[in-house]
Amino acid sequence: MSTYAQERKTKDAAKARAAQRYAYAPAGCDIWDARTSLAPGAIVVKISPHGCPPNGTMGHCYVGAPDTGEFIGLVLLASLVKAPRA
């Protein structure tokens, strides 16, 4: 892995650890047409992948793993409930 890729991965992980956490509670089309492997109650963070529309566009947002910020998928904003800080 290149130095740039390692640095980017470290920065993304730091951002994810500092971000607001959300619990995934499927709502709307996420109930019957989920495009992720998330289980109800899973803890996630909102992320902004490069080159993608901003979160909130058409009621959707991108979510990632809370410890690394790694992309998980696209979900409805209504499917996210603020989780208490641990």
PDB file of N, CA and C in Angstrom:
ATOM      1  N   MET A   1       0.856  -1.181   0.000  1.00  0.00           N
ATOM      2  CA  MET A   1       0.000   0.000   0.000  1.00  0.00           C
ATOM      3  C   MET A   1       0.894   1.234   0.000  1.00  0.00           C
ATOM      4  N   SER A   2       0.523   2.207  -0.803  1.00  0.00           N
ATOM      5  CA  SER A   2       1.333   3.417  -0.906  1.00  0.00           C
ATOM      6  C   SER A   2       1.223   4.270   0.356  1.00  0.00           C
ATOM      7  N   THR A   3       2.140   5.172   0.507  1.00  0.00           N
ATOM      8  CA  THR A   3       2.147   6.061   1.663  1.00  0.00           C
ATOM      9  C   THR A   3       0.890   6.920   1.689  1.00  0.00           C
ATOM     10  N   TYR A   4       0.469   7.422   0.521  1.00  0.00           N
ATOM     11  CA  TYR A   4      -0.735   8.242   0.458  1.00  0.00           C
ATOM     12  C   TYR A   4      -1.961   7.444   0.909  1.00  0.00           C
ATOM     13  N   ALA A   5      -2.080   6.216   0.439  1.00  0.00           N
ATOM     14  CA  ALA A   5      -3.228   5.379   0.798  1.00  0.00           C
ATOM     15  C   ALA A   5      -3.254   5.092   2.296  1.00  0.00           C
ATOM     16  N   GLN A   6      -2.089   4.859   2.880  1.00  0.00           N
ATOM     17  CA  GLN A   6      -2.020   4.613   4.329  1.00  0.00           C
ATOM     18  C   GLN A   6      -2.430   5.863   5.099  1.00  0.00           C
ATOM     19  N   GLU A   7      -1.945   7.014   4.658  1.00  0.00           N
ATOM     20  CA  GLU A   7      -2.277   8.274   5.315  1.00  0.00           C
ATOM     21  C   GLU A   7      -3.770   8.571   5.210  1.00  0.00           C
ATOM     22  N   ARG A   8      -4.352   8.355   4.034  1.00  0.00           N
ATOM     23  CA  ARG A   8      -5.782   8.572   3.820  1.00  0.00           C
ATOM     24  C   ARG A   8      -6.615   7.645   4.721  1.00  0.00           C
ATOM     25  N   LYS A   9      -6.207   6.392   4.817  1.00  0.00           N
ATOM     26  CA  LYS A   9      -6.916   5.419   5.640  1.00  0.00           C
ATOM     27  C   LYS A   9      -6.865   5.817   7.115  1.00  0.00           C
ATOM     28  N   THR A  10      -5.723   6.303   7.576  1.00  0.00           N
ATOM     29  CA  THR A  10      -5.566   6.746   8.963  1.00  0.00           C
ATOM     30  C   THR A  10      -6.450   7.958   9.248  1.00  0.00           C
ATOM     31  N   LYS A  11      -6.487   8.915   8.323  1.00  0.00           N
ATOM     32  CA  LYS A  11      -7.318  10.112   8.504  1.00  0.00           C
ATOM     33  C   LYS A  11      -8.805   9.760   8.495  1.00  0.00           C
ATOM     34  N   ASP A  12      -9.216   8.865   7.597  1.00  0.00           N
ATOM     35  CA  ASP A  12     -10.615   8.447   7.533  1.00  0.00           C
ATOM     36  C   ASP A  12     -11.034   7.747   8.819  1.00  0.00           C
ATOM     37  N   ALA A  13     -10.161   6.924   9.374  1.00  0.00           N
ATOM     38  CA  ALA A  13     -10.464   6.223  10.622  1.00  0.00           C
ATOM     39  C   ALA A  13     -10.596   7.218  11.778  1.00  0.00           C
ATOM     40  N   ALA A  14      -9.746   8.235  11.811  1.00  0.00           N
ATOM     41  CA  ALA A  14      -9.818   9.246  12.869  1.00  0.00           C
ATOM     42  C   ALA A  14     -11.116  10.038  12.763  1.00  0.00           C
ATOM     43  N   LYS A  15     -11.516  10.388  11.543  1.00  0.00           N
ATOM     44  CA  LYS A  15     -12.780  11.106  11.332  1.00  0.00           C
ATOM     45  C   LYS A  15     -13.964  10.260  11.791  1.00  0.00           C
ATOM     46  N   ALA A  16     -13.940   8.973  11.471  1.00  0.00           N
ATOM     47  CA  ALA A  16     -15.041   8.076  11.829  1.00  0.00           C
ATOM     48  C   ALA A  16     -15.161   7.930  13.341  1.00  0.00           C
ATOM     49  N   ARG A  17     -14.025   7.852  14.038  1.00  0.00           N
ATOM     50  CA  ARG A  17     -14.069   7.711  15.493  1.00  0.00           C
ATOM     51  C   ARG A  17     -14.643   8.956  16.160  1.00  0.00           C
ATOM     52  N   ALA A  18     -14.470  10.129  15.546  1.00  0.00           N
ATOM     53  CA  ALA A  18     -14.952  11.384  16.117  1.00  0.00           C
ATOM     54  C   ALA A  18     -16.388  11.712  15.693  1.00  0.00           C
ATOM     55  N   ALA A  19     -16.919  11.013  14.712  1.00  0.00           N
ATOM     56  CA  ALA A  19     -18.232  11.332  14.147  1.00  0.00           C
ATOM     57  C   ALA A  19     -19.383  10.877  15.052  1.00  0.00           C
ATOM     58  N   GLN A  20     -20.538  11.508  14.857  1.00  0.00           N
ATOM     59  CA  GLN A  20     -21.763  11.109  15.552  1.00  0.00           C
ATOM     60  C   GLN A  20     -22.138   9.693  15.125  1.00  0.00           C
ATOM     61  N   ARG A  21     -22.520   8.886  16.084  1.00  0.00           N
ATOM     62  CA  ARG A  21     -22.902   7.520  15.784  1.00  0.00           C
ATOM     63  C   ARG A  21     -24.422   7.396  15.684  1.00  0.00           C
ATOM     64  N   TYR A  22     -24.848   6.495  14.802  1.00  0.00           N
ATOM     65  CA  TYR A  22     -26.265   6.255  14.579  1.00  0.00           C
ATOM     66  C   TYR A  22     -26.546   4.762  14.665  1.00  0.00           C
ATOM     67  N   ALA A  23     -27.733   4.430  15.149  1.00  0.00           N
ATOM     68  CA  ALA A  23     -28.198   3.043  15.149  1.00  0.00           C
ATOM     69  C   ALA A  23     -29.076   2.866  13.913  1.00  0.00           C
ATOM     70  N   TYR A  24     -28.878   1.780  13.217  1.00  0.00           N
ATOM     71  CA  TYR A  24     -29.648   1.497  12.006  1.00  0.00           C
ATOM     72  C   TYR A  24     -30.964   0.838  12.394  1.00  0.00           C
ATOM     73  N   ALA A  25     -32.068   1.467  12.046  1.00  0.00           N
ATOM     74  CA  ALA A  25     -33.416   0.939  12.279  1.00  0.00           C
ATOM     75  C   ALA A  25     -34.163   1.069  10.957  1.00  0.00           C
ATOM     76  N   PRO A  26     -34.209  -0.005  10.162  1.00  0.00           N
ATOM     77  CA  PRO A  26     -34.788   0.080   8.815  1.00  0.00           C
ATOM     78  C   PRO A  26     -36.156   0.757   8.785  1.00  0.00           C
ATOM     79  N   ALA A  27     -36.332   1.667   7.837  1.00  0.00           N
ATOM     80  CA  ALA A  27     -37.591   2.373   7.630  1.00  0.00           C
ATOM     81  C   ALA A  27     -37.813   2.508   6.125  1.00  0.00           C
ATOM     82  N   GLY A  28     -39.044   2.682   5.738  1.00  0.00           N
ATOM     83  CA  GLY A  28     -39.352   2.864   4.325  1.00  0.00           C
ATOM     84  C   GLY A  28     -38.885   1.693   3.479  1.00  0.00           C
ATOM     85  N   CYS A  29     -38.286   1.991   2.344  1.00  0.00           N
ATOM     86  CA  CYS A  29     -37.862   0.919   1.437  1.00  0.00           C
ATOM     87  C   CYS A  29     -36.682   0.115   1.981  1.00  0.00           C
ATOM     88  N   ASP A  30     -36.001   0.603   3.028  1.00  0.00           N
ATOM     89  CA  ASP A  30     -34.920  -0.188   3.634  1.00  0.00           C
ATOM     90  C   ASP A  30     -35.469  -1.453   4.293  1.00  0.00           C
ATOM     91  N   ILE A  31     -36.758  -1.477   4.608  1.00  0.00           N
ATOM     92  CA  ILE A  31     -37.365  -2.661   5.220  1.00  0.00           C
ATOM     93  C   ILE A  31     -37.444  -3.797   4.212  1.00  0.00           C
ATOM     94  N   TRP A  32     -37.936  -3.509   3.017  1.00  0.00           N
ATOM     95  CA  TRP A  32     -38.164  -4.576   2.042  1.00  0.00           C
ATOM     96  C   TRP A  32     -37.156  -4.608   0.905  1.00  0.00           C
ATOM     97  N   ASP A  33     -36.326  -3.570   0.763  1.00  0.00           N
ATOM     98  CA  ASP A  33     -35.343  -3.542  -0.322  1.00  0.00           C
ATOM     99  C   ASP A  33     -34.002  -3.026   0.187  1.00  0.00           C
ATOM    100  N   ALA A  34     -33.494  -3.659   1.222  1.00  0.00           N
ATOM    101  CA  ALA A  34     -32.218  -3.221   1.808  1.00  0.00           C
ATOM    102  C   ALA A  34     -31.075  -3.486   0.834  1.00  0.00           C
ATOM    103  N   ARG A  35     -30.228  -2.499   0.649  1.00  0.00           N
ATOM    104  CA  ARG A  35     -29.063  -2.636  -0.245  1.00  0.00           C
ATOM    105  C   ARG A  35     -27.776  -2.818   0.550  1.00  0.00           C
ATOM    106  N   THR A  36     -27.914  -3.085   1.845  1.00  0.00           N
ATOM    107  CA  THR A  36     -26.744  -3.318   2.698  1.00  0.00           C
ATOM    108  C   THR A  36     -26.962  -4.600   3.486  1.00  0.00           C
ATOM    109  N   SER A  37     -25.920  -5.054   4.131  1.00  0.00           N
ATOM    110  CA  SER A  37     -26.016  -6.249   4.974  1.00  0.00           C
ATOM    111  C   SER A  37     -26.172  -5.864   6.445  1.00  0.00           C
ATOM    112  N   LEU A  38     -26.564  -4.621   6.710  1.00  0.00           N
ATOM    113  CA  LEU A  38     -26.706  -4.150   8.086  1.00  0.00           C
ATOM    114  C   LEU A  38     -27.865  -4.836   8.790  1.00  0.00           C
ATOM    115  N   ALA A  39     -27.640  -5.209  10.034  1.00  0.00           N
ATOM    116  CA  ALA A  39     -28.699  -5.773  10.872  1.00  0.00           C
ATOM    117  C   ALA A  39     -29.337  -4.626  11.648  1.00  0.00           C
ATOM    118  N   PRO A  40     -30.621  -4.730  11.967  1.00  0.00           N
ATOM    119  CA  PRO A  40     -31.245  -3.685  12.781  1.00  0.00           C
ATOM    120  C   PRO A  40     -30.490  -3.505  14.102  1.00  0.00           C
ATOM    121  N   GLY A  41     -30.237  -2.256  14.456  1.00  0.00           N
ATOM    122  CA  GLY A  41     -29.497  -1.951  15.677  1.00  0.00           C
ATOM    123  C   GLY A  41     -28.004  -1.781  15.476  1.00  0.00           C
ATOM    124  N   ALA A  42     -27.515  -2.028  14.259  1.00  0.00           N
ATOM    125  CA  ALA A  42     -26.084  -1.874  13.977  1.00  0.00           C
ATOM    126  C   ALA A  42     -25.688  -0.406  14.124  1.00  0.00           C
ATOM    127  N   ILE A  43     -24.516  -0.157  14.686  1.00  0.00           N
ATOM    128  CA  ILE A  43     -24.013   1.204  14.871  1.00  0.00           C
ATOM    129  C   ILE A  43     -23.183   1.592  13.648  1.00  0.00           C
ATOM    130  N   VAL A  44     -23.484   2.769  13.081  1.00  0.00           N
ATOM    131  CA  VAL A  44     -22.802   3.268  11.887  1.00  0.00           C
ATOM    132  C   VAL A  44     -22.519   4.755  12.043  1.00  0.00           C
ATOM    133  N   VAL A  45     -21.724   5.298  11.133  1.00  0.00           N
ATOM    134  CA  VAL A  45     -21.486   6.744  11.050  1.00  0.00           C
ATOM    135  C   VAL A  45     -21.782   7.178   9.625  1.00  0.00           C
ATOM    136  N   LYS A  46     -22.176   8.443   9.459  1.00  0.00           N
ATOM    137  CA  LYS A  46     -22.379   8.991   8.122  1.00  0.00           C
ATOM    138  C   LYS A  46     -21.013   9.313   7.536  1.00  0.00           C
ATOM    139  N   ILE A  47     -20.832   8.993   6.264  1.00  0.00           N
ATOM    140  CA  ILE A  47     -19.584   9.304   5.568  1.00  0.00           C
ATOM    141  C   ILE A  47     -19.915  10.027   4.270  1.00  0.00           C
ATOM    142  N   SER A  48     -18.919  10.641   3.678  1.00  0.00           N
ATOM    143  CA  SER A  48     -19.096  11.341   2.401  1.00  0.00           C
ATOM    144  C   SER A  48     -18.055  10.834   1.407  1.00  0.00           C
ATOM    145  N   PRO A  49     -18.372   9.772   0.658  1.00  0.00           N
ATOM    146  CA  PRO A  49     -17.419   9.264  -0.325  1.00  0.00           C
ATOM    147  C   PRO A  49     -17.118  10.299  -1.404  1.00  0.00           C
ATOM    148  N   HIS A  50     -15.890  10.330  -1.861  1.00  0.00           N
ATOM    149  CA  HIS A  50     -15.466  11.276  -2.895  1.00  0.00           C
ATOM    150  C   HIS A  50     -16.250  11.037  -4.177  1.00  0.00           C
ATOM    151  N   GLY A  51     -16.762  12.102  -4.762  1.00  0.00           N
ATOM    152  CA  GLY A  51     -17.453  12.011  -6.039  1.00  0.00           C
ATOM    153  C   GLY A  51     -18.921  11.647  -5.939  1.00  0.00           C
ATOM    154  N   CYS A  52     -19.452  11.526  -4.723  1.00  0.00           N
ATOM    155  CA  CYS A  52     -20.856  11.170  -4.530  1.00  0.00           C
ATOM    156  C   CYS A  52     -21.659  12.392  -4.091  1.00  0.00           C
ATOM    157  N   PRO A  53     -22.971  12.389  -4.343  1.00  0.00           N
ATOM    158  CA  PRO A  53     -23.794  13.521  -3.896  1.00  0.00           C
ATOM    159  C   PRO A  53     -23.731  13.645  -2.372  1.00  0.00           C
ATOM    160  N   PRO A  54     -23.953  14.842  -1.838  1.00  0.00           N
ATOM    161  CA  PRO A  54     -23.886  15.012  -0.387  1.00  0.00           C
ATOM    162  C   PRO A  54     -25.004  14.244   0.327  1.00  0.00           C
ATOM    163  N   ASN A  55     -24.738  13.894   1.588  1.00  0.00           N
ATOM    164  CA  ASN A  55     -25.749  13.222   2.396  1.00  0.00           C
ATOM    165  C   ASN A  55     -26.987  14.097   2.482  1.00  0.00           C
ATOM    166  N   GLY A  56     -28.149  13.474   2.466  1.00  0.00           N
ATOM    167  CA  GLY A  56     -29.402  14.198   2.521  1.00  0.00           C
ATOM    168  C   GLY A  56     -30.040  14.383   1.159  1.00  0.00           C
ATOM    169  N   THR A  57     -29.300  14.097   0.097  1.00  0.00           N
ATOM    170  CA  THR A  57     -29.851  14.214  -1.244  1.00  0.00           C
ATOM    171  C   THR A  57     -30.912  13.139  -1.431  1.00  0.00           C
ATOM    172  N   MET A  58     -32.115  13.560  -1.729  1.00  0.00           N
ATOM    173  CA  MET A  58     -33.258  12.666  -1.931  1.00  0.00           C
ATOM    174  C   MET A  58     -33.521  11.765  -0.717  1.00  0.00           C
ATOM    175  N   GLY A  59     -33.176  12.251   0.484  1.00  0.00           N
ATOM    176  CA  GLY A  59     -33.487  11.516   1.702  1.00  0.00           C
ATOM    177  C   GLY A  59     -32.597  10.328   1.995  1.00  0.00           C
ATOM    178  N   HIS A  60     -31.441  10.254   1.362  1.00  0.00           N
ATOM    179  CA  HIS A  60     -30.511   9.142   1.570  1.00  0.00           C
ATOM    180  C   HIS A  60     -29.189   9.646   2.143  1.00  0.00           C
ATOM    181  N   CYS A  61     -28.414   8.730   2.718  1.00  0.00           N
ATOM    182  CA  CYS A  61     -27.055   9.069   3.140  1.00  0.00           C
ATOM    183  C   CYS A  61     -26.179   7.826   3.078  1.00  0.00           C
ATOM    184  N   TYR A  62     -24.892   8.052   3.008  1.00  0.00           N
ATOM    185  CA  TYR A  62     -23.905   6.976   2.963  1.00  0.00           C
ATOM    186  C   TYR A  62     -23.475   6.668   4.386  1.00  0.00           C
ATOM    187  N   VAL A  63     -23.332   5.386   4.706  1.00  0.00           N
ATOM    188  CA  VAL A  63     -22.909   4.998   6.044  1.00  0.00           C
ATOM    189  C   VAL A  63     -21.644   4.156   5.969  1.00  0.00           C
ATOM    190  N   GLY A  64     -20.888   4.210   7.071  1.00  0.00           N
ATOM    191  CA  GLY A  64     -19.646   3.471   7.153  1.00  0.00           C
ATOM    192  C   GLY A  64     -19.471   2.858   8.524  1.00  0.00           C
ATOM    193  N   ALA A  65     -18.445   2.046   8.649  1.00  0.00           N
ATOM    194  CA  ALA A  65     -18.115   1.400   9.917  1.00  0.00           C
ATOM    195  C   ALA A  65     -17.672   2.458  10.927  1.00  0.00           C
ATOM    196  N   PRO A  66     -18.121   2.355  12.188  1.00  0.00           N
ATOM    197  CA  PRO A  66     -17.797   3.395  13.169  1.00  0.00           C
ATOM    198  C   PRO A  66     -16.327   3.457  13.573  1.00  0.00           C
ATOM    199  N   ASP A  67     -15.584   2.388  13.407  1.00  0.00           N
ATOM    200  CA  ASP A  67     -14.179   2.398  13.818  1.00  0.00           C
ATOM    201  C   ASP A  67     -13.218   2.748  12.692  1.00  0.00           C
ATOM    202  N   THR A  68     -13.581   2.418  11.447  1.00  0.00           N
ATOM    203  CA  THR A  68     -12.672   2.665  10.326  1.00  0.00           C
ATOM    204  C   THR A  68     -13.205   3.667   9.307  1.00  0.00           C
ATOM    205  N   GLY A  69     -14.519   3.880   9.287  1.00  0.00           N
ATOM    206  CA  GLY A  69     -15.114   4.756   8.286  1.00  0.00           C
ATOM    207  C   GLY A  69     -15.263   4.084   6.944  1.00  0.00           C
ATOM    208  N   GLU A  70     -15.010   2.773   6.870  1.00  0.00           N
ATOM    209  CA  GLU A  70     -15.107   2.027   5.626  1.00  0.00           C
ATOM    210  C   GLU A  70     -16.553   2.004   5.127  1.00  0.00           C
ATOM    211  N   PHE A  71     -16.738   2.259   3.838  1.00  0.00           N
ATOM    212  CA  PHE A  71     -18.058   2.331   3.222  1.00  0.00           C
ATOM    213  C   PHE A  71     -18.842   1.044   3.426  1.00  0.00           C
ATOM    214  N   ILE A  72     -20.111   1.187   3.861  1.00  0.00           N
ATOM    215  CA  ILE A  72     -21.014   0.041   4.003  1.00  0.00           C
ATOM    216  C   ILE A  72     -22.100   0.105   2.943  1.00  0.00           C
ATOM    217  N   GLY A  73     -22.742   1.271   2.800  1.00  0.00           N
ATOM    218  CA  GLY A  73     -23.787   1.373   1.796  1.00  0.00           C
ATOM    219  C   GLY A  73     -24.574   2.655   1.886  1.00  0.00           C
ATOM    220  N   LEU A  74     -25.697   2.677   1.160  1.00  0.00           N
ATOM    221  CA  LEU A  74     -26.582   3.826   1.077  1.00  0.00           C
ATOM    222  C   LEU A  74     -27.892   3.455   1.757  1.00  0.00           C
ATOM    223  N   VAL A  75     -28.357   4.278   2.693  1.00  0.00           N
ATOM    224  CA  VAL A  75     -29.595   4.015   3.426  1.00  0.00           C
ATOM    225  C   VAL A  75     -30.450   5.282   3.474  1.00  0.00           C
ATOM    226  N   LEU A  76     -31.714   5.127   3.832  1.00  0.00           N
ATOM    227  CA  LEU A  76     -32.595   6.276   4.033  1.00  0.00           C
ATOM    228  C   LEU A  76     -32.211   6.998   5.316  1.00  0.00           C
ATOM    229  N   LEU A  77     -32.330   8.315   5.316  1.00  0.00           N
ATOM    230  CA  LEU A  77     -32.065   9.083   6.534  1.00  0.00           C
ATOM    231  C   LEU A  77     -33.019   8.672   7.654  1.00  0.00           C
ATOM    232  N   ALA A  78     -34.236   8.302   7.296  1.00  0.00           N
ATOM    233  CA  ALA A  78     -35.226   7.889   8.293  1.00  0.00           C
ATOM    234  C   ALA A  78     -34.828   6.592   8.990  1.00  0.00           C
ATOM    235  N   SER A  79     -33.881   5.850   8.422  1.00  0.00           N
ATOM    236  CA  SER A  79     -33.440   4.582   9.011  1.00  0.00           C
ATOM    237  C   SER A  79     -32.349   4.770  10.059  1.00  0.00           C
ATOM    238  N   LEU A  80     -31.929   6.015  10.297  1.00  0.00           N
ATOM    239  CA  LEU A  80     -30.861   6.273  11.261  1.00  0.00           C
ATOM    240  C   LEU A  80     -31.411   6.985  12.494  1.00  0.00           C
ATOM    241  N   VAL A  81     -31.076   6.453  13.662  1.00  0.00           N
ATOM    242  CA  VAL A  81     -31.491   7.027  14.940  1.00  0.00           C
ATOM    243  C   VAL A  81     -30.220   7.322  15.723  1.00  0.00           C
ATOM    244  N   LYS A  82     -30.109   8.534  16.288  1.00  0.00           N
ATOM    245  CA  LYS A  82     -28.897   8.876  17.039  1.00  0.00           C
ATOM    246  C   LYS A  82     -28.670   7.873  18.152  1.00  0.00           C
ATOM    247  N   ALA A  83     -27.444   7.404  18.245  1.00  0.00           N
ATOM    248  CA  ALA A  83     -27.074   6.448  19.290  1.00  0.00           C
ATOM    249  C   ALA A  83     -26.305   7.194  20.378  1.00  0.00           C
ATOM    250  N   PRO A  84     -26.473   6.801  21.631  1.00  0.00           N
ATOM    251  CA  PRO A  84     -25.722   7.473  22.702  1.00  0.00           C
ATOM    252  C   PRO A  84     -24.229   7.172  22.578  1.00  0.00           C
ATOM    253  N   ARG A  85     -23.418   8.128  23.004  1.00  0.00           N
ATOM    254  CA  ARG A  85     -21.955   7.936  22.980  1.00  0.00           C
ATOM    255  C   ARG A  85     -21.580   6.866  23.997  1.00  0.00           C
ATOM    256  N   ALA A  86     -20.664   6.019  23.616  1.00  0.00           N
ATOM    257  CA  ALA A  86     -20.227   4.947  24.533  1.00  0.00           C
ATOM    258  C   ALA A  86     -19.080   5.388  25.396  1.00  0.00           C
TER     259      ALA A  86
END
